[in-house]
Amino acid sequence: MRLLFKMDAEDYDPGGKPFIRPSVRGIILQNGRAAMVHSLKYNYYKFPGGGMEPGESQLETLIREVREESGLAVVPESIREYGLVHRVQKSDQPLYEMFVQDNYYYLCGVLPKVFSQKLDDYEQDERFTLEFVSPETAIRVNRQMPHGPADQAMLEREALVLELLIKEGYLPAFFD
């Protein structure tokens, strides 16, 4: 999978113990908008997806996480690789010095029906809601609005991926 970009905060001891958490994210595009999860509590947007479970493939994670977070059912035959974002920063886990995450992004189609979400406790607390949003709105909200304790590096990652999708012609540069 092609490397889209790297994000390295350089705020950690490089010789320290890493917490490694690969994740998979779905890029679902319809009518010039991206399907994103909106945290109503902290007002940010993210692509649906999440961490891989032990023994789970990237595609299994993609299908499971998109369904759980958004209620959208990925059509397996539609899945295409988009790219990888490599992220490293100081860990917030007490036993680890650094957090290392490879985020695998896949373009995919979904069934027209939206199913019920299956949210984790923190996702319920943040009131994750599926929205088909213009890229400009998601970028602006992620970069310019206050987000409480939300991880700004994650929000910038999503904004940068949206900008690449615009640059590469997957999404329009302006959408009314």
N, C-alpha and C. Protein backbone atom coordinates (compact mmCIF):
# COMPACT_ATOMS: atom_id res chain seq x y z
N MET A 1 0.86 -1.18 0.00
CA MET A 1 0.00 0.00 0.00
C MET A 1 0.90 1.24 0.00
N ARG A 2 0.51 2.24 -0.77
CA ARG A 2 1.35 3.44 -0.87
C ARG A 2 1.30 4.25 0.43
N LEU A 3 2.42 4.87 0.75
CA LEU A 3 2.49 5.74 1.90
C LEU A 3 1.96 7.11 1.50
N LEU A 4 0.90 7.56 2.16
CA LEU A 4 0.33 8.88 1.88
C LEU A 4 1.19 9.97 2.52
N PHE A 5 1.51 9.80 3.80
CA PHE A 5 2.39 10.73 4.50
C PHE A 5 2.70 10.14 5.88
N LYS A 6 3.69 10.75 6.55
CA LYS A 6 4.06 10.38 7.91
C LYS A 6 3.75 11.54 8.84
N MET A 7 3.37 11.22 10.06
CA MET A 7 3.16 12.20 11.10
C MET A 7 4.02 11.76 12.29
N ASP A 8 5.05 12.52 12.61
CA ASP A 8 5.94 12.17 13.71
C ASP A 8 6.08 13.38 14.62
N ALA A 9 5.51 13.31 15.81
CA ALA A 9 5.54 14.42 16.75
C ALA A 9 6.93 14.62 17.36
N GLU A 10 7.77 13.60 17.30
CA GLU A 10 9.13 13.65 17.84
C GLU A 10 9.13 14.13 19.30
N ASP A 11 8.12 13.69 20.07
CA ASP A 11 7.98 14.10 21.47
C ASP A 11 8.15 12.92 22.43
N TYR A 12 8.92 11.92 22.03
CA TYR A 12 9.05 10.67 22.77
C TYR A 12 10.51 10.23 22.77
N ASP A 13 10.82 9.28 23.64
CA ASP A 13 12.14 8.65 23.67
C ASP A 13 12.14 7.55 22.61
N PRO A 14 12.92 7.71 21.52
CA PRO A 14 12.90 6.70 20.46
C PRO A 14 13.39 5.32 20.90
N GLY A 15 14.07 5.26 22.04
CA GLY A 15 14.52 3.97 22.55
C GLY A 15 13.52 3.33 23.50
N GLY A 16 12.42 4.03 23.75
CA GLY A 16 11.40 3.54 24.68
C GLY A 16 10.52 2.46 24.08
N LYS A 17 9.73 1.86 24.94
CA LYS A 17 8.83 0.78 24.52
C LYS A 17 7.66 1.35 23.73
N PRO A 18 7.40 0.81 22.51
CA PRO A 18 6.29 1.33 21.71
C PRO A 18 4.97 0.60 21.99
N PHE A 19 3.88 1.34 21.95
CA PHE A 19 2.53 0.78 21.93
C PHE A 19 2.11 0.82 20.47
N ILE A 20 1.95 -0.33 19.85
CA ILE A 20 1.67 -0.42 18.42
C ILE A 20 0.20 -0.77 18.22
N ARG A 21 -0.50 0.09 17.47
CA ARG A 21 -1.95 -0.10 17.28
C ARG A 21 -2.32 0.20 15.83
N PRO A 22 -2.20 -0.79 14.92
CA PRO A 22 -2.62 -0.54 13.54
C PRO A 22 -4.13 -0.36 13.46
N SER A 23 -4.57 0.47 12.51
CA SER A 23 -6.00 0.70 12.34
C SER A 23 -6.36 0.73 10.86
N VAL A 24 -7.63 0.56 10.59
CA VAL A 24 -8.15 0.52 9.23
C VAL A 24 -9.32 1.48 9.15
N ARG A 25 -9.39 2.27 8.07
CA ARG A 25 -10.42 3.30 7.92
C ARG A 25 -11.07 3.20 6.54
N GLY A 26 -12.37 3.43 6.49
CA GLY A 26 -13.12 3.36 5.24
C GLY A 26 -13.35 4.73 4.65
N ILE A 27 -13.08 4.87 3.37
CA ILE A 27 -13.39 6.09 2.63
C ILE A 27 -14.60 5.77 1.76
N ILE A 28 -15.73 6.34 2.12
CA ILE A 28 -16.99 6.10 1.43
C ILE A 28 -17.45 7.44 0.87
N LEU A 29 -17.51 7.54 -0.43
CA LEU A 29 -17.82 8.81 -1.09
C LEU A 29 -19.14 8.70 -1.84
N GLN A 30 -19.99 9.71 -1.66
CA GLN A 30 -21.27 9.76 -2.37
C GLN A 30 -21.62 11.21 -2.67
N ASN A 31 -21.87 11.50 -3.94
CA ASN A 31 -22.33 12.83 -4.35
C ASN A 31 -21.44 13.96 -3.85
N GLY A 32 -20.13 13.77 -3.96
CA GLY A 32 -19.19 14.81 -3.57
C GLY A 32 -18.99 14.98 -2.08
N ARG A 33 -19.50 14.04 -1.32
CA ARG A 33 -19.37 14.10 0.14
C ARG A 33 -18.74 12.81 0.65
N ALA A 34 -18.15 12.89 1.84
CA ALA A 34 -17.53 11.73 2.47
C ALA A 34 -18.36 11.28 3.67
N ALA A 35 -18.53 9.98 3.81
CA ALA A 35 -19.19 9.44 5.00
C ALA A 35 -18.19 9.54 6.14
N MET A 36 -18.55 10.30 7.16
CA MET A 36 -17.66 10.47 8.31
C MET A 36 -18.46 10.34 9.59
N VAL A 37 -17.76 9.97 10.63
CA VAL A 37 -18.35 9.91 11.96
C VAL A 37 -18.14 11.28 12.60
N HIS A 38 -19.22 11.90 13.05
CA HIS A 38 -19.17 13.20 13.70
C HIS A 38 -19.32 13.00 15.20
N SER A 39 -18.33 13.42 15.96
CA SER A 39 -18.46 13.41 17.42
C SER A 39 -19.26 14.66 17.78
N LEU A 40 -20.50 14.46 18.18
CA LEU A 40 -21.34 15.61 18.54
C LEU A 40 -20.87 16.25 19.85
N LYS A 41 -20.28 15.45 20.73
CA LYS A 41 -19.82 15.98 22.02
C LYS A 41 -18.62 16.91 21.83
N TYR A 42 -17.64 16.50 20.99
CA TYR A 42 -16.41 17.28 20.83
C TYR A 42 -16.30 17.96 19.47
N ASN A 43 -17.30 17.80 18.63
CA ASN A 43 -17.38 18.47 17.33
C ASN A 43 -16.14 18.26 16.46
N TYR A 44 -15.94 17.02 16.04
CA TYR A 44 -14.90 16.70 15.06
C TYR A 44 -15.41 15.60 14.14
N TYR A 45 -14.70 15.44 13.01
CA TYR A 45 -15.04 14.41 12.03
C TYR A 45 -13.89 13.43 11.87
N LYS A 46 -14.23 12.16 11.71
CA LYS A 46 -13.23 11.13 11.42
C LYS A 46 -13.82 10.11 10.46
N PHE A 47 -12.93 9.50 9.67
CA PHE A 47 -13.39 8.42 8.81
C PHE A 47 -13.77 7.24 9.70
N PRO A 48 -14.83 6.51 9.34
CA PRO A 48 -15.19 5.35 10.15
C PRO A 48 -14.09 4.29 10.07
N GLY A 49 -13.78 3.72 11.21
CA GLY A 49 -12.73 2.71 11.27
C GLY A 49 -12.16 2.63 12.66
N GLY A 50 -11.20 1.75 12.83
CA GLY A 50 -10.59 1.61 14.15
C GLY A 50 -9.53 0.54 14.16
N GLY A 51 -9.15 0.17 15.36
CA GLY A 51 -8.03 -0.74 15.57
C GLY A 51 -8.32 -2.17 15.20
N MET A 52 -7.25 -2.82 14.74
CA MET A 52 -7.34 -4.23 14.38
C MET A 52 -7.30 -5.09 15.64
N GLU A 53 -8.14 -6.10 15.68
CA GLU A 53 -8.15 -7.07 16.77
C GLU A 53 -7.15 -8.18 16.45
N PRO A 54 -6.60 -8.87 17.46
CA PRO A 54 -5.66 -9.97 17.20
C PRO A 54 -6.27 -11.01 16.26
N GLY A 55 -5.50 -11.39 15.24
CA GLY A 55 -5.93 -12.39 14.28
C GLY A 55 -6.85 -11.88 13.19
N GLU A 56 -7.19 -10.61 13.22
CA GLU A 56 -8.11 -10.02 12.25
C GLU A 56 -7.31 -9.43 11.07
N SER A 57 -7.81 -9.63 9.87
CA SER A 57 -7.18 -9.04 8.69
C SER A 57 -7.60 -7.58 8.56
N GLN A 58 -6.89 -6.84 7.72
CA GLN A 58 -7.28 -5.45 7.48
C GLN A 58 -8.69 -5.36 6.93
N LEU A 59 -9.03 -6.21 5.98
CA LEU A 59 -10.37 -6.13 5.38
C LEU A 59 -11.46 -6.53 6.37
N GLU A 60 -11.18 -7.50 7.23
CA GLU A 60 -12.15 -7.86 8.26
C GLU A 60 -12.36 -6.69 9.22
N THR A 61 -11.26 -6.02 9.58
CA THR A 61 -11.36 -4.85 10.46
C THR A 61 -12.16 -3.75 9.79
N LEU A 62 -11.87 -3.50 8.52
CA LEU A 62 -12.58 -2.45 7.78
C LEU A 62 -14.08 -2.70 7.81
N ILE A 63 -14.50 -3.89 7.44
CA ILE A 63 -15.93 -4.22 7.38
C ILE A 63 -16.57 -4.10 8.76
N ARG A 64 -15.92 -4.64 9.79
CA ARG A 64 -16.46 -4.61 11.15
C ARG A 64 -16.54 -3.18 11.68
N GLU A 65 -15.44 -2.45 11.58
CA GLU A 65 -15.39 -1.11 12.18
C GLU A 65 -16.33 -0.12 11.47
N VAL A 66 -16.40 -0.17 10.15
CA VAL A 66 -17.31 0.74 9.44
C VAL A 66 -18.74 0.45 9.86
N ARG A 67 -19.11 -0.81 9.96
CA ARG A 67 -20.48 -1.18 10.36
C ARG A 67 -20.76 -0.73 11.80
N GLU A 68 -19.80 -0.99 12.71
CA GLU A 68 -20.02 -0.63 14.11
C GLU A 68 -20.16 0.88 14.31
N GLU A 69 -19.24 1.65 13.72
CA GLU A 69 -19.21 3.09 13.97
C GLU A 69 -20.25 3.88 13.19
N SER A 70 -20.55 3.43 11.96
CA SER A 70 -21.42 4.23 11.11
C SER A 70 -22.77 3.58 10.80
N GLY A 71 -22.84 2.26 10.92
CA GLY A 71 -24.05 1.54 10.51
C GLY A 71 -24.05 1.21 9.03
N LEU A 72 -22.98 1.56 8.31
CA LEU A 72 -22.89 1.27 6.89
C LEU A 72 -22.27 -0.11 6.68
N ALA A 73 -22.81 -0.86 5.73
CA ALA A 73 -22.31 -2.20 5.42
C ALA A 73 -21.47 -2.13 4.14
N VAL A 74 -20.19 -2.38 4.30
CA VAL A 74 -19.25 -2.35 3.17
C VAL A 74 -19.53 -3.50 2.22
N VAL A 75 -19.51 -3.23 0.92
CA VAL A 75 -19.62 -4.26 -0.11
C VAL A 75 -18.20 -4.78 -0.35
N PRO A 76 -17.89 -6.02 0.06
CA PRO A 76 -16.51 -6.50 -0.02
C PRO A 76 -15.87 -6.38 -1.41
N GLU A 77 -16.64 -6.62 -2.47
CA GLU A 77 -16.08 -6.56 -3.83
C GLU A 77 -15.69 -5.15 -4.25
N SER A 78 -16.14 -4.15 -3.52
CA SER A 78 -15.87 -2.75 -3.89
C SER A 78 -14.58 -2.21 -3.26
N ILE A 79 -13.99 -2.93 -2.35
CA ILE A 79 -12.85 -2.43 -1.58
C ILE A 79 -11.61 -2.28 -2.46
N ARG A 80 -11.00 -1.07 -2.36
CA ARG A 80 -9.74 -0.80 -3.08
C ARG A 80 -8.80 -0.06 -2.14
N GLU A 81 -7.53 -0.41 -2.19
CA GLU A 81 -6.54 0.28 -1.37
C GLU A 81 -6.47 1.75 -1.76
N TYR A 82 -6.33 2.61 -0.75
CA TYR A 82 -6.08 4.02 -1.02
C TYR A 82 -4.68 4.41 -0.55
N GLY A 83 -4.37 4.17 0.72
CA GLY A 83 -3.05 4.52 1.20
C GLY A 83 -2.92 4.38 2.70
N LEU A 84 -1.68 4.61 3.15
CA LEU A 84 -1.28 4.41 4.54
C LEU A 84 -0.75 5.71 5.12
N VAL A 85 -1.16 6.01 6.35
CA VAL A 85 -0.59 7.12 7.11
C VAL A 85 0.13 6.52 8.31
N HIS A 86 1.42 6.81 8.42
CA HIS A 86 2.24 6.32 9.55
C HIS A 86 2.33 7.44 10.58
N ARG A 87 1.96 7.12 11.81
CA ARG A 87 1.90 8.13 12.88
C ARG A 87 2.66 7.66 14.11
N VAL A 88 3.51 8.54 14.65
CA VAL A 88 4.27 8.23 15.87
C VAL A 88 4.21 9.45 16.78
N GLN A 89 3.93 9.21 18.07
CA GLN A 89 3.91 10.29 19.05
C GLN A 89 4.08 9.69 20.44
N LYS A 90 4.24 10.55 21.45
CA LYS A 90 4.36 10.10 22.83
C LYS A 90 3.08 9.35 23.21
N SER A 91 3.25 8.24 23.90
CA SER A 91 2.12 7.42 24.30
C SER A 91 1.43 7.99 25.54
N ASP A 92 0.12 7.80 25.61
CA ASP A 92 -0.61 8.15 26.83
C ASP A 92 -0.83 6.90 27.70
N GLN A 93 -0.28 5.76 27.26
CA GLN A 93 -0.36 4.51 28.01
C GLN A 93 0.79 4.46 29.01
N PRO A 94 0.55 4.15 30.29
CA PRO A 94 1.59 4.25 31.32
C PRO A 94 2.81 3.35 31.11
N LEU A 95 2.67 2.22 30.46
CA LEU A 95 3.80 1.30 30.31
C LEU A 95 4.59 1.51 29.02
N TYR A 96 4.20 2.50 28.21
CA TYR A 96 4.80 2.68 26.90
C TYR A 96 5.28 4.12 26.73
N GLU A 97 6.38 4.27 26.02
CA GLU A 97 6.94 5.59 25.77
C GLU A 97 6.35 6.23 24.51
N MET A 98 6.12 5.40 23.48
CA MET A 98 5.62 5.97 22.22
C MET A 98 4.43 5.18 21.69
N PHE A 99 3.60 5.90 20.94
CA PHE A 99 2.42 5.35 20.28
C PHE A 99 2.73 5.30 18.79
N VAL A 100 2.65 4.11 18.21
CA VAL A 100 2.93 3.91 16.79
C VAL A 100 1.67 3.35 16.14
N GLN A 101 1.21 4.07 15.10
CA GLN A 101 -0.03 3.62 14.45
C GLN A 101 0.11 3.76 12.94
N ASP A 102 -0.08 2.64 12.26
CA ASP A 102 -0.24 2.66 10.81
C ASP A 102 -1.74 2.64 10.54
N ASN A 103 -2.21 3.66 9.83
CA ASN A 103 -3.63 3.82 9.49
C ASN A 103 -3.80 3.45 8.02
N TYR A 104 -4.50 2.35 7.76
CA TYR A 104 -4.71 1.86 6.40
C TYR A 104 -6.07 2.35 5.91
N TYR A 105 -6.06 3.12 4.84
CA TYR A 105 -7.29 3.69 4.28
C TYR A 105 -7.69 2.91 3.03
N TYR A 106 -8.98 2.58 2.96
CA TYR A 106 -9.54 1.86 1.81
C TYR A 106 -10.74 2.61 1.27
N LEU A 107 -10.79 2.75 -0.05
CA LEU A 107 -12.00 3.23 -0.73
C LEU A 107 -12.97 2.06 -0.77
N CYS A 108 -14.25 2.32 -0.53
CA CYS A 108 -15.21 1.23 -0.57
C CYS A 108 -16.62 1.74 -0.80
N GLY A 109 -17.44 0.88 -1.37
CA GLY A 109 -18.85 1.15 -1.53
C GLY A 109 -19.62 0.48 -0.41
N VAL A 110 -20.85 0.91 -0.22
CA VAL A 110 -21.68 0.37 0.86
C VAL A 110 -23.08 0.07 0.34
N LEU A 111 -23.78 -0.77 1.07
CA LEU A 111 -25.18 -1.03 0.77
C LEU A 111 -26.00 0.23 1.03
N PRO A 112 -27.14 0.40 0.35
CA PRO A 112 -27.93 1.62 0.57
C PRO A 112 -28.55 1.71 1.95
N LYS A 113 -28.84 0.57 2.58
CA LYS A 113 -29.47 0.58 3.90
C LYS A 113 -28.45 0.92 4.98
N VAL A 114 -28.85 1.76 5.94
CA VAL A 114 -28.02 2.08 7.10
C VAL A 114 -28.55 1.26 8.28
N PHE A 115 -27.66 0.50 8.91
CA PHE A 115 -28.01 -0.35 10.04
C PHE A 115 -27.74 0.38 11.35
N SER A 116 -28.13 -0.23 12.45
CA SER A 116 -27.86 0.34 13.76
C SER A 116 -26.36 0.31 14.05
N GLN A 117 -25.88 1.34 14.72
CA GLN A 117 -24.49 1.37 15.15
C GLN A 117 -24.31 0.43 16.35
N LYS A 118 -23.06 -0.01 16.54
CA LYS A 118 -22.69 -0.80 17.72
C LYS A 118 -21.49 -0.11 18.34
N LEU A 119 -21.75 0.93 19.11
CA LEU A 119 -20.70 1.81 19.62
C LEU A 119 -20.14 1.34 20.95
N ASP A 120 -18.82 1.56 21.12
CA ASP A 120 -18.17 1.38 22.40
C ASP A 120 -18.68 2.46 23.36
N ASP A 121 -18.37 2.30 24.64
CA ASP A 121 -18.83 3.27 25.64
C ASP A 121 -18.37 4.69 25.32
N TYR A 122 -17.08 4.86 24.97
CA TYR A 122 -16.60 6.22 24.70
C TYR A 122 -17.23 6.78 23.43
N GLU A 123 -17.52 5.93 22.46
CA GLU A 123 -18.17 6.38 21.22
C GLU A 123 -19.61 6.81 21.51
N GLN A 124 -20.29 6.09 22.39
CA GLN A 124 -21.64 6.49 22.80
C GLN A 124 -21.59 7.81 23.56
N ASP A 125 -20.60 7.94 24.45
CA ASP A 125 -20.45 9.18 25.22
C ASP A 125 -20.21 10.38 24.31
N GLU A 126 -19.43 10.17 23.24
CA GLU A 126 -19.15 11.25 22.29
C GLU A 126 -20.29 11.45 21.29
N ARG A 127 -21.29 10.55 21.33
CA ARG A 127 -22.46 10.62 20.44
C ARG A 127 -22.03 10.58 18.96
N PHE A 128 -21.28 9.53 18.61
CA PHE A 128 -20.86 9.34 17.22
C PHE A 128 -22.09 9.25 16.33
N THR A 129 -22.09 10.04 15.27
CA THR A 129 -23.21 10.11 14.34
C THR A 129 -22.67 10.08 12.91
N LEU A 130 -23.26 9.25 12.08
CA LEU A 130 -22.88 9.20 10.66
C LEU A 130 -23.38 10.45 9.96
N GLU A 131 -22.48 11.09 9.20
CA GLU A 131 -22.87 12.22 8.36
C GLU A 131 -22.13 12.12 7.03
N PHE A 132 -22.83 12.44 5.96
CA PHE A 132 -22.17 12.62 4.66
C PHE A 132 -21.88 14.11 4.58
N VAL A 133 -20.62 14.46 4.67
CA VAL A 133 -20.21 15.85 4.85
C VAL A 133 -19.31 16.29 3.71
N SER A 134 -19.39 17.57 3.37
CA SER A 134 -18.47 18.09 2.35
C SER A 134 -17.06 18.10 2.95
N PRO A 135 -16.06 17.85 2.12
CA PRO A 135 -14.69 17.83 2.66
C PRO A 135 -14.29 19.15 3.30
N GLU A 136 -14.72 20.27 2.71
CA GLU A 136 -14.36 21.58 3.26
C GLU A 136 -14.92 21.76 4.67
N THR A 137 -16.14 21.30 4.90
CA THR A 137 -16.74 21.41 6.23
C THR A 137 -15.95 20.60 7.24
N ALA A 138 -15.64 19.35 6.91
CA ALA A 138 -14.90 18.49 7.85
C ALA A 138 -13.51 19.06 8.12
N ILE A 139 -12.83 19.54 7.09
CA ILE A 139 -11.49 20.12 7.27
C ILE A 139 -11.58 21.35 8.17
N ARG A 140 -12.51 22.25 7.88
CA ARG A 140 -12.66 23.48 8.67
C ARG A 140 -12.97 23.16 10.13
N VAL A 141 -13.93 22.28 10.36
CA VAL A 141 -14.31 21.93 11.73
C VAL A 141 -13.12 21.31 12.46
N ASN A 142 -12.42 20.36 11.83
CA ASN A 142 -11.31 19.69 12.50
C ASN A 142 -10.16 20.64 12.81
N ARG A 143 -9.95 21.65 11.98
CA ARG A 143 -8.81 22.54 12.18
C ARG A 143 -9.14 23.80 12.98
N GLN A 144 -10.38 24.24 12.96
CA GLN A 144 -10.67 25.57 13.51
C GLN A 144 -11.56 25.58 14.74
N MET A 145 -12.24 24.51 15.03
CA MET A 145 -13.17 24.50 16.16
C MET A 145 -12.50 23.88 17.39
N PRO A 146 -12.93 24.26 18.60
CA PRO A 146 -12.41 23.60 19.80
C PRO A 146 -12.97 22.17 19.90
N HIS A 147 -12.13 21.26 20.39
CA HIS A 147 -12.51 19.84 20.43
C HIS A 147 -12.32 19.20 21.79
N GLY A 148 -12.17 19.99 22.83
CA GLY A 148 -11.96 19.41 24.15
C GLY A 148 -10.73 18.53 24.15
N PRO A 149 -10.85 17.32 24.73
CA PRO A 149 -9.68 16.44 24.84
C PRO A 149 -9.38 15.63 23.57
N ALA A 150 -10.11 15.84 22.49
CA ALA A 150 -9.89 15.06 21.27
C ALA A 150 -8.45 15.25 20.78
N ASP A 151 -7.89 14.18 20.23
CA ASP A 151 -6.51 14.15 19.76
C ASP A 151 -6.37 14.97 18.48
N GLN A 152 -5.73 16.13 18.58
CA GLN A 152 -5.61 17.02 17.42
C GLN A 152 -4.81 16.39 16.29
N ALA A 153 -3.85 15.52 16.61
CA ALA A 153 -3.08 14.85 15.56
C ALA A 153 -3.99 13.96 14.71
N MET A 154 -4.93 13.27 15.35
CA MET A 154 -5.89 12.44 14.60
C MET A 154 -6.74 13.31 13.69
N LEU A 155 -7.18 14.46 14.20
CA LEU A 155 -8.04 15.34 13.41
C LEU A 155 -7.29 15.93 12.23
N GLU A 156 -6.03 16.26 12.42
CA GLU A 156 -5.21 16.77 11.33
C GLU A 156 -4.95 15.67 10.29
N ARG A 157 -4.75 14.44 10.76
CA ARG A 157 -4.57 13.30 9.83
C ARG A 157 -5.78 13.20 8.90
N GLU A 158 -6.98 13.28 9.47
CA GLU A 158 -8.18 13.17 8.64
C GLU A 158 -8.31 14.34 7.67
N ALA A 159 -7.95 15.54 8.13
CA ALA A 159 -7.99 16.71 7.24
C ALA A 159 -7.00 16.54 6.08
N LEU A 160 -5.82 16.04 6.37
CA LEU A 160 -4.81 15.83 5.31
C LEU A 160 -5.27 14.77 4.31
N VAL A 161 -5.90 13.70 4.79
CA VAL A 161 -6.43 12.68 3.87
C VAL A 161 -7.53 13.28 2.99
N LEU A 162 -8.41 14.08 3.57
CA LEU A 162 -9.44 14.74 2.77
C LEU A 162 -8.82 15.65 1.71
N GLU A 163 -7.78 16.38 2.06
CA GLU A 163 -7.10 17.24 1.08
C GLU A 163 -6.49 16.42 -0.06
N LEU A 164 -5.94 15.25 0.26
CA LEU A 164 -5.41 14.38 -0.80
C LEU A 164 -6.53 13.88 -1.71
N LEU A 165 -7.66 13.52 -1.12
CA LEU A 165 -8.80 13.06 -1.92
C LEU A 165 -9.27 14.16 -2.88
N ILE A 166 -9.24 15.41 -2.43
CA ILE A 166 -9.59 16.54 -3.30
C ILE A 166 -8.54 16.69 -4.39
N LYS A 167 -7.28 16.71 -4.00
CA LYS A 167 -6.17 16.89 -4.94
C LYS A 167 -6.18 15.81 -6.03
N GLU A 168 -6.52 14.59 -5.66
CA GLU A 168 -6.50 13.47 -6.60
C GLU A 168 -7.82 13.30 -7.35
N GLY A 169 -8.78 14.19 -7.13
CA GLY A 169 -10.02 14.18 -7.90
C GLY A 169 -11.12 13.27 -7.39
N TYR A 170 -10.97 12.72 -6.23
CA TYR A 170 -12.02 11.87 -5.66
C TYR A 170 -13.17 12.70 -5.10
N LEU A 171 -12.85 13.89 -4.62
CA LEU A 171 -13.84 14.81 -4.06
C LEU A 171 -13.70 16.17 -4.72
N PRO A 172 -14.79 16.93 -4.82
CA PRO A 172 -14.70 18.26 -5.44
C PRO A 172 -13.99 19.23 -4.51
N ALA A 173 -13.34 20.22 -5.11
CA ALA A 173 -12.62 21.23 -4.32
C ALA A 173 -13.60 22.13 -3.58
N PHE A 174 -14.75 22.38 -4.15
CA PHE A 174 -15.76 23.21 -3.49
C PHE A 174 -17.09 22.53 -3.63
N PHE A 175 -17.86 22.53 -2.58
CA PHE A 175 -19.16 21.89 -2.61
C PHE A 175 -20.14 22.78 -1.86
N ASP A 176 -21.23 23.14 -2.47
CA ASP A 176 -22.23 23.98 -1.80
C ASP A 176 -23.23 23.15 -1.04
